[in-house]
Structures are given as structure tokens and as C-alpha cells.
Amino acid sequence: MVRLDFALSAPQSAFRVAPLTVDIAFRLKEIARTAVPDLPDRVIAATALVLGFPLVTRDGRIRASNVETIW
């Protein structure tokens, strides 16, 4: 946990905490429940859509969705 705290608080860190926003909640409907059944995974995918970032994952269900993925 100390390493995570350090990574998130270091000024030059590339890591950022992304709060759950209304925009993310609205984008959830773009991630089909049939494709990605787990709500936490859909929230992560919708967050990537809102932020405009590709998602680093090897989750086959997320990779098969409309979210740009790496890996």
C-alpha cells in the first residue's frame, strides 16, 4: 500500500486517481452488459472512454467490447 500511495502522490507520477463522475455513469450504457457482465469492469471501461485513454487489460470480455485496449 505504501508503494501505491507513493506512486499516486509523487509529482512526476503518471498515475492519477480518476473519480467516478456523472459522465462515466452515462457512458456505462455504451458497454454492453452481455459483453462485459461485471459492473466494476464496465465502470473501468467507461472511465477509459471518458478519459480517452486505451485500457491496459488482458480481460477478453473488455477487449471484445468497443473500448480501445492494449495488451
N, C-alpha and C. Protein backbone atom coordinates (compact mmCIF):
# COMPACT_ATOMS: atom_id res chain seq x y z
N MET A 1 0.82 -1.19 0.00
CA MET A 1 0.00 0.00 0.00
C MET A 1 0.86 1.25 0.00
N VAL A 2 2.00 1.20 0.64
CA VAL A 2 2.91 2.35 0.69
C VAL A 2 3.39 2.69 -0.72
N ARG A 3 3.69 1.68 -1.52
CA ARG A 3 4.15 1.92 -2.89
C ARG A 3 3.06 2.58 -3.72
N LEU A 4 1.82 2.16 -3.54
CA LEU A 4 0.71 2.77 -4.26
C LEU A 4 0.53 4.22 -3.85
N ASP A 5 0.56 4.48 -2.56
CA ASP A 5 0.46 5.86 -2.07
C ASP A 5 1.56 6.73 -2.67
N PHE A 6 2.76 6.22 -2.69
CA PHE A 6 3.88 6.97 -3.25
C PHE A 6 3.67 7.23 -4.74
N ALA A 7 3.24 6.20 -5.46
CA ALA A 7 3.03 6.35 -6.91
C ALA A 7 1.95 7.38 -7.21
N LEU A 8 0.93 7.44 -6.39
CA LEU A 8 -0.15 8.38 -6.63
C LEU A 8 0.19 9.80 -6.18
N SER A 9 1.08 9.94 -5.21
CA SER A 9 1.37 11.27 -4.68
C SER A 9 2.63 11.91 -5.25
N ALA A 10 3.46 11.17 -5.92
CA ALA A 10 4.69 11.72 -6.49
C ALA A 10 4.35 12.72 -7.59
N PRO A 11 4.93 13.91 -7.56
CA PRO A 11 4.60 14.95 -8.53
C PRO A 11 4.81 14.54 -10.00
N GLN A 12 5.81 13.74 -10.27
CA GLN A 12 6.09 13.33 -11.65
C GLN A 12 5.39 12.03 -12.04
N SER A 13 4.57 11.51 -11.17
CA SER A 13 3.92 10.23 -11.43
C SER A 13 2.94 10.32 -12.59
N ALA A 14 2.91 9.27 -13.39
CA ALA A 14 1.94 9.19 -14.48
C ALA A 14 0.60 8.65 -14.00
N PHE A 15 0.53 8.20 -12.77
CA PHE A 15 -0.70 7.64 -12.22
C PHE A 15 -1.57 8.76 -11.65
N ARG A 16 -2.86 8.66 -11.89
CA ARG A 16 -3.83 9.61 -11.35
C ARG A 16 -5.06 8.85 -10.88
N VAL A 17 -5.68 9.34 -9.84
CA VAL A 17 -6.95 8.79 -9.38
C VAL A 17 -8.05 9.41 -10.23
N ALA A 18 -8.89 8.59 -10.79
CA ALA A 18 -9.99 9.07 -11.62
C ALA A 18 -11.29 8.89 -10.83
N PRO A 19 -11.90 9.99 -10.41
CA PRO A 19 -13.14 9.87 -9.65
C PRO A 19 -14.30 9.40 -10.53
N LEU A 20 -15.25 8.74 -9.92
CA LEU A 20 -16.45 8.33 -10.62
C LEU A 20 -17.31 9.57 -10.84
N THR A 21 -17.57 9.89 -12.09
CA THR A 21 -18.32 11.10 -12.43
C THR A 21 -19.64 10.75 -13.12
N VAL A 22 -20.46 11.75 -13.27
CA VAL A 22 -21.74 11.56 -14.00
C VAL A 22 -21.46 11.17 -15.44
N ASP A 23 -20.42 11.76 -16.04
CA ASP A 23 -20.07 11.40 -17.42
C ASP A 23 -19.75 9.92 -17.54
N ILE A 24 -19.03 9.39 -16.59
CA ILE A 24 -18.71 7.96 -16.60
C ILE A 24 -19.98 7.14 -16.44
N ALA A 25 -20.85 7.55 -15.55
CA ALA A 25 -22.11 6.83 -15.34
C ALA A 25 -22.94 6.79 -16.63
N PHE A 26 -22.98 7.90 -17.35
CA PHE A 26 -23.74 7.93 -18.60
C PHE A 26 -23.10 7.08 -19.70
N ARG A 27 -21.78 6.98 -19.69
CA ARG A 27 -21.09 6.17 -20.70
C ARG A 27 -21.20 4.67 -20.45
N LEU A 28 -21.65 4.30 -19.24
CA LEU A 28 -21.82 2.87 -18.93
C LEU A 28 -22.72 2.17 -19.94
N LYS A 29 -23.72 2.90 -20.45
CA LYS A 29 -24.66 2.27 -21.38
C LYS A 29 -23.99 1.87 -22.70
N GLU A 30 -22.80 2.40 -22.96
CA GLU A 30 -22.06 2.04 -24.17
C GLU A 30 -21.30 0.72 -24.02
N ILE A 31 -21.23 0.22 -22.81
CA ILE A 31 -20.55 -1.06 -22.55
C ILE A 31 -21.64 -2.08 -22.29
N ALA A 32 -21.89 -2.91 -23.27
CA ALA A 32 -22.99 -3.87 -23.18
C ALA A 32 -22.79 -4.83 -22.01
N ARG A 33 -23.84 -4.98 -21.23
CA ARG A 33 -23.80 -5.90 -20.09
C ARG A 33 -23.58 -7.33 -20.56
N THR A 34 -24.08 -7.65 -21.75
CA THR A 34 -23.88 -9.00 -22.28
C THR A 34 -22.42 -9.24 -22.65
N ALA A 35 -21.72 -8.17 -23.05
CA ALA A 35 -20.31 -8.30 -23.41
C ALA A 35 -19.42 -8.27 -22.18
N VAL A 36 -19.72 -7.35 -21.24
CA VAL A 36 -18.93 -7.18 -20.02
C VAL A 36 -19.91 -7.24 -18.85
N PRO A 37 -20.17 -8.42 -18.31
CA PRO A 37 -21.22 -8.58 -17.30
C PRO A 37 -20.91 -7.98 -15.92
N ASP A 38 -19.66 -7.85 -15.56
CA ASP A 38 -19.32 -7.37 -14.22
C ASP A 38 -19.33 -5.84 -14.17
N LEU A 39 -20.15 -5.28 -13.28
CA LEU A 39 -20.28 -3.83 -13.17
C LEU A 39 -18.93 -3.13 -12.94
N PRO A 40 -18.08 -3.61 -12.03
CA PRO A 40 -16.79 -2.92 -11.86
C PRO A 40 -15.98 -2.85 -13.16
N ASP A 41 -16.02 -3.91 -13.95
CA ASP A 41 -15.30 -3.90 -15.22
C ASP A 41 -15.92 -2.90 -16.19
N ARG A 42 -17.25 -2.78 -16.19
CA ARG A 42 -17.91 -1.80 -17.05
C ARG A 42 -17.57 -0.38 -16.62
N VAL A 43 -17.47 -0.14 -15.31
CA VAL A 43 -17.09 1.19 -14.81
C VAL A 43 -15.67 1.52 -15.26
N ILE A 44 -14.77 0.58 -15.17
CA ILE A 44 -13.39 0.80 -15.62
C ILE A 44 -13.37 1.10 -17.11
N ALA A 45 -14.11 0.33 -17.89
CA ALA A 45 -14.16 0.55 -19.34
C ALA A 45 -14.77 1.91 -19.67
N ALA A 46 -15.83 2.29 -19.00
CA ALA A 46 -16.47 3.58 -19.24
C ALA A 46 -15.53 4.72 -18.85
N THR A 47 -14.75 4.53 -17.81
CA THR A 47 -13.77 5.54 -17.39
C THR A 47 -12.74 5.75 -18.50
N ALA A 48 -12.28 4.67 -19.09
CA ALA A 48 -11.32 4.78 -20.20
C ALA A 48 -11.94 5.54 -21.37
N LEU A 49 -13.22 5.29 -21.65
CA LEU A 49 -13.88 6.02 -22.72
C LEU A 49 -13.95 7.52 -22.43
N VAL A 50 -14.34 7.87 -21.22
CA VAL A 50 -14.47 9.28 -20.85
C VAL A 50 -13.11 9.98 -20.89
N LEU A 51 -12.10 9.32 -20.39
CA LEU A 51 -10.77 9.94 -20.36
C LEU A 51 -10.07 9.91 -21.71
N GLY A 52 -10.59 9.09 -22.62
CA GLY A 52 -9.98 8.98 -23.95
C GLY A 52 -8.66 8.23 -23.95
N PHE A 53 -8.51 7.33 -22.99
CA PHE A 53 -7.29 6.54 -22.88
C PHE A 53 -7.57 5.10 -23.27
N PRO A 54 -6.59 4.44 -23.89
CA PRO A 54 -6.75 2.99 -24.08
C PRO A 54 -6.60 2.31 -22.72
N LEU A 55 -7.24 1.20 -22.58
CA LEU A 55 -7.23 0.46 -21.32
C LEU A 55 -6.23 -0.68 -21.42
N VAL A 56 -5.34 -0.77 -20.47
CA VAL A 56 -4.37 -1.87 -20.43
C VAL A 56 -5.04 -3.02 -19.69
N THR A 57 -5.39 -4.05 -20.43
CA THR A 57 -6.07 -5.20 -19.83
C THR A 57 -5.87 -6.43 -20.70
N ARG A 58 -5.96 -7.57 -20.08
CA ARG A 58 -6.00 -8.81 -20.84
C ARG A 58 -7.35 -9.49 -20.67
N ASP A 59 -8.30 -8.77 -20.09
CA ASP A 59 -9.66 -9.27 -19.93
C ASP A 59 -10.30 -9.40 -21.32
N GLY A 60 -10.56 -10.61 -21.72
CA GLY A 60 -11.10 -10.87 -23.05
C GLY A 60 -12.44 -10.22 -23.30
N ARG A 61 -13.26 -10.11 -22.27
CA ARG A 61 -14.58 -9.51 -22.45
C ARG A 61 -14.45 -8.01 -22.72
N ILE A 62 -13.60 -7.35 -21.96
CA ILE A 62 -13.41 -5.92 -22.19
C ILE A 62 -12.75 -5.71 -23.56
N ARG A 63 -11.80 -6.55 -23.90
CA ARG A 63 -11.11 -6.42 -25.19
C ARG A 63 -12.07 -6.62 -26.36
N ALA A 64 -13.12 -7.40 -26.16
CA ALA A 64 -14.10 -7.64 -27.22
C ALA A 64 -15.15 -6.52 -27.30
N SER A 65 -15.14 -5.61 -26.33
CA SER A 65 -16.10 -4.50 -26.33
C SER A 65 -15.59 -3.38 -27.23
N ASN A 66 -16.27 -2.24 -27.17
CA ASN A 66 -15.91 -1.10 -28.03
C ASN A 66 -14.84 -0.20 -27.41
N VAL A 67 -14.17 -0.67 -26.38
CA VAL A 67 -13.13 0.10 -25.70
C VAL A 67 -11.78 -0.24 -26.31
N GLU A 68 -11.00 0.80 -26.63
CA GLU A 68 -9.66 0.57 -27.14
C GLU A 68 -8.80 -0.03 -26.02
N THR A 69 -8.13 -1.12 -26.32
CA THR A 69 -7.32 -1.79 -25.32
C THR A 69 -5.90 -2.02 -25.83
N ILE A 70 -5.02 -2.18 -24.87
CA ILE A 70 -3.63 -2.54 -25.14
C ILE A 70 -3.35 -3.82 -24.37
N TRP A 71 -2.70 -4.75 -25.02
CA TRP A 71 -2.22 -5.98 -24.43
C TRP A 71 -2.97 -7.12 -24.92
